[in-house]
Amino acid sequence: MNGILKRVIVLLTVMALVAVPCMTCFAAELEQDDDLTAGKMAAEVVVRPLGICATVIGGVIFVATLPFSALGGNTNAAYDYLLADPFKFTFSRPLGEF
């Protein structure tokens, strides 16, 4: 009975060690699916205008809070979060990459 248990444990361990890299390969194939990529690109019709709105709203908030962030010494961080990140998201990234 003890020998059968050891063989089952060894078999399950080998199956687990083989399954993990295979799951990574299957996940990589899912990312390359053309239907998913086309759907993501079609979603850009909604996402890009929202990115433009986020950039404009972030700019307004940045200008409104500029005196406070200048006093706090975190103007660069405020610029990055409120203006640079939405601008890069809207205008610099390729289609379908979120």
C-alpha atoms as a PDB file:
ATOM      1  CA  MET A   1       0.000   0.000   0.000  1.00  0.00           C
ATOM      2  CA  ASN A   2       2.856   2.378   0.827  1.00  0.00           C
ATOM      3  CA  GLY A   3       4.468   1.802  -2.596  1.00  0.00           C
ATOM      4  CA  ILE A   4       1.239   2.655  -4.440  1.00  0.00           C
ATOM      5  CA  LEU A   5       0.887   5.898  -2.486  1.00  0.00           C
ATOM      6  CA  LYS A   6       4.448   6.900  -3.372  1.00  0.00           C
ATOM      7  CA  ARG A   7       3.796   6.195  -7.064  1.00  0.00           C
ATOM      8  CA  VAL A   8       0.598   8.245  -7.021  1.00  0.00           C
ATOM      9  CA  ILE A   9       2.418  11.163  -5.374  1.00  0.00           C
ATOM     10  CA  VAL A  10       5.264  10.954  -7.908  1.00  0.00           C
ATOM     11  CA  LEU A  11       2.767  10.762 -10.785  1.00  0.00           C
ATOM     12  CA  LEU A  12       0.814  13.789  -9.529  1.00  0.00           C
ATOM     13  CA  THR A  13       4.050  15.750  -9.041  1.00  0.00           C
ATOM     14  CA  VAL A  14       5.228  14.964 -12.570  1.00  0.00           C
ATOM     15  CA  MET A  15       1.828  15.903 -14.001  1.00  0.00           C
ATOM     16  CA  ALA A  16       1.884  19.202 -12.105  1.00  0.00           C
ATOM     17  CA  LEU A  17       5.402  20.012 -13.321  1.00  0.00           C
ATOM     18  CA  VAL A  18       4.371  19.317 -16.909  1.00  0.00           C
ATOM     19  CA  ALA A  19       1.022  21.129 -16.682  1.00  0.00           C
ATOM     20  CA  VAL A  20       2.337  24.492 -15.477  1.00  0.00           C
ATOM     21  CA  PRO A  21       4.471  25.275 -18.571  1.00  0.00           C
ATOM     22  CA  CYS A  22       1.709  23.974 -20.829  1.00  0.00           C
ATOM     23  CA  MET A  23      -0.818  26.347 -19.272  1.00  0.00           C
ATOM     24  CA  THR A  24       1.538  29.225 -20.023  1.00  0.00           C
ATOM     25  CA  CYS A  25       1.668  28.157 -23.672  1.00  0.00           C
ATOM     26  CA  PHE A  26      -2.116  27.967 -23.851  1.00  0.00           C
ATOM     27  CA  ALA A  27      -2.442  31.410 -22.292  1.00  0.00           C
ATOM     28  CA  ALA A  28       0.008  32.848 -24.831  1.00  0.00           C
ATOM     29  CA  GLU A  29      -2.086  31.397 -27.648  1.00  0.00           C
ATOM     30  CA  LEU A  30      -5.203  33.053 -26.234  1.00  0.00           C
ATOM     31  CA  GLU A  31      -3.488  36.423 -26.295  1.00  0.00           C
ATOM     32  CA  GLN A  32      -2.725  36.018 -30.004  1.00  0.00           C
ATOM     33  CA  ASP A  33      -6.344  35.292 -30.959  1.00  0.00           C
ATOM     34  CA  ASP A  34      -7.436  37.619 -33.763  1.00  0.00           C
ATOM     35  CA  ASP A  35     -11.020  37.902 -32.516  1.00  0.00           C
ATOM     36  CA  LEU A  36      -9.853  39.167 -29.136  1.00  0.00           C
ATOM     37  CA  THR A  37      -7.505  41.661 -30.768  1.00  0.00           C
ATOM     38  CA  ALA A  38     -10.242  42.881 -33.098  1.00  0.00           C
ATOM     39  CA  GLY A  39     -12.603  43.316 -30.152  1.00  0.00           C
ATOM     40  CA  LYS A  40     -10.008  45.303 -28.259  1.00  0.00           C
ATOM     41  CA  MET A  41      -9.396  47.502 -31.279  1.00  0.00           C
ATOM     42  CA  ALA A  42     -13.128  48.062 -31.682  1.00  0.00           C
ATOM     43  CA  ALA A  43     -13.321  49.131 -28.041  1.00  0.00           C
ATOM     44  CA  GLU A  44     -10.998  51.998 -28.911  1.00  0.00           C
ATOM     45  CA  VAL A  45     -14.022  53.855 -30.307  1.00  0.00           C
ATOM     46  CA  VAL A  46     -15.175  54.310 -26.716  1.00  0.00           C
ATOM     47  CA  VAL A  47     -11.863  54.314 -24.860  1.00  0.00           C
ATOM     48  CA  ARG A  48     -10.006  57.010 -26.838  1.00  0.00           C
ATOM     49  CA  PRO A  49     -12.645  59.720 -26.303  1.00  0.00           C
ATOM     50  CA  LEU A  50     -12.731  58.821 -22.617  1.00  0.00           C
ATOM     51  CA  GLY A  51      -8.956  59.210 -22.560  1.00  0.00           C
ATOM     52  CA  ILE A  52      -9.265  62.653 -24.117  1.00  0.00           C
ATOM     53  CA  CYS A  53     -11.820  63.600 -21.453  1.00  0.00           C
ATOM     54  CA  ALA A  54      -9.528  62.271 -18.729  1.00  0.00           C
ATOM     55  CA  THR A  55      -6.657  64.340 -20.126  1.00  0.00           C
ATOM     56  CA  VAL A  56      -8.729  67.525 -20.189  1.00  0.00           C
ATOM     57  CA  ILE A  57     -10.197  66.954 -16.720  1.00  0.00           C
ATOM     58  CA  GLY A  58      -6.765  66.063 -15.366  1.00  0.00           C
ATOM     59  CA  GLY A  59      -5.370  69.270 -16.852  1.00  0.00           C
ATOM     60  CA  VAL A  60      -8.076  71.342 -15.192  1.00  0.00           C
ATOM     61  CA  ILE A  61      -7.490  69.636 -11.841  1.00  0.00           C
ATOM     62  CA  PHE A  62      -3.719  70.043 -12.226  1.00  0.00           C
ATOM     63  CA  VAL A  63      -4.017  73.785 -12.870  1.00  0.00           C
ATOM     64  CA  ALA A  64      -6.490  74.208 -10.008  1.00  0.00           C
ATOM     65  CA  THR A  65      -4.260  72.367  -7.534  1.00  0.00           C
ATOM     66  CA  LEU A  66      -0.929  73.688  -8.830  1.00  0.00           C
ATOM     67  CA  PRO A  67      -0.412  76.194  -5.989  1.00  0.00           C
ATOM     68  CA  PHE A  68      -0.975  73.483  -3.382  1.00  0.00           C
ATOM     69  CA  SER A  69       1.228  70.931  -5.087  1.00  0.00           C
ATOM     70  CA  ALA A  70       3.943  73.577  -5.514  1.00  0.00           C
ATOM     71  CA  LEU A  71       3.802  74.315  -1.801  1.00  0.00           C
ATOM     72  CA  GLY A  72       3.986  70.595  -1.050  1.00  0.00           C
ATOM     73  CA  GLY A  73       6.836  70.040  -3.473  1.00  0.00           C
ATOM     74  CA  ASN A  74       5.093  67.331  -5.477  1.00  0.00           C
ATOM     75  CA  THR A  75       4.410  69.151  -8.728  1.00  0.00           C
ATOM     76  CA  ASN A  76       6.148  66.497 -10.835  1.00  0.00           C
ATOM     77  CA  ALA A  77       4.084  63.666  -9.328  1.00  0.00           C
ATOM     78  CA  ALA A  78       0.861  65.629  -9.833  1.00  0.00           C
ATOM     79  CA  TYR A  79       1.828  66.323 -13.448  1.00  0.00           C
ATOM     80  CA  ASP A  80       2.622  62.659 -14.066  1.00  0.00           C
ATOM     81  CA  TYR A  81      -0.633  61.343 -12.628  1.00  0.00           C
ATOM     82  CA  LEU A  82      -3.013  64.046 -13.848  1.00  0.00           C
ATOM     83  CA  LEU A  83      -1.614  64.936 -17.283  1.00  0.00           C
ATOM     84  CA  ALA A  84       1.181  62.700 -18.546  1.00  0.00           C
ATOM     85  CA  ASP A  85      -0.403  59.305 -17.844  1.00  0.00           C
ATOM     86  CA  PRO A  86      -3.790  60.088 -19.463  1.00  0.00           C
ATOM     87  CA  PHE A  87      -2.013  61.727 -22.407  1.00  0.00           C
ATOM     88  CA  LYS A  88       0.187  58.658 -22.960  1.00  0.00           C
ATOM     89  CA  PHE A  89      -2.829  56.360 -22.587  1.00  0.00           C
ATOM     90  CA  THR A  90      -4.781  58.333 -25.180  1.00  0.00           C
ATOM     91  CA  PHE A  91      -2.205  59.278 -27.781  1.00  0.00           C
ATOM     92  CA  SER A  92       0.892  57.084 -27.414  1.00  0.00           C
ATOM     93  CA  ARG A  93      -0.288  53.499 -27.025  1.00  0.00           C
ATOM     94  CA  PRO A  94      -1.019  51.200 -29.969  1.00  0.00           C
ATOM     95  CA  LEU A  95      -4.547  50.154 -30.834  1.00  0.00           C
ATOM     96  CA  GLY A  96      -5.954  47.389 -28.700  1.00  0.00           C
ATOM     97  CA  GLU A  97      -3.271  47.485 -26.005  1.00  0.00           C
ATOM     98  CA  PHE A  98      -4.689  48.355 -22.648  1.00  0.00           C
END
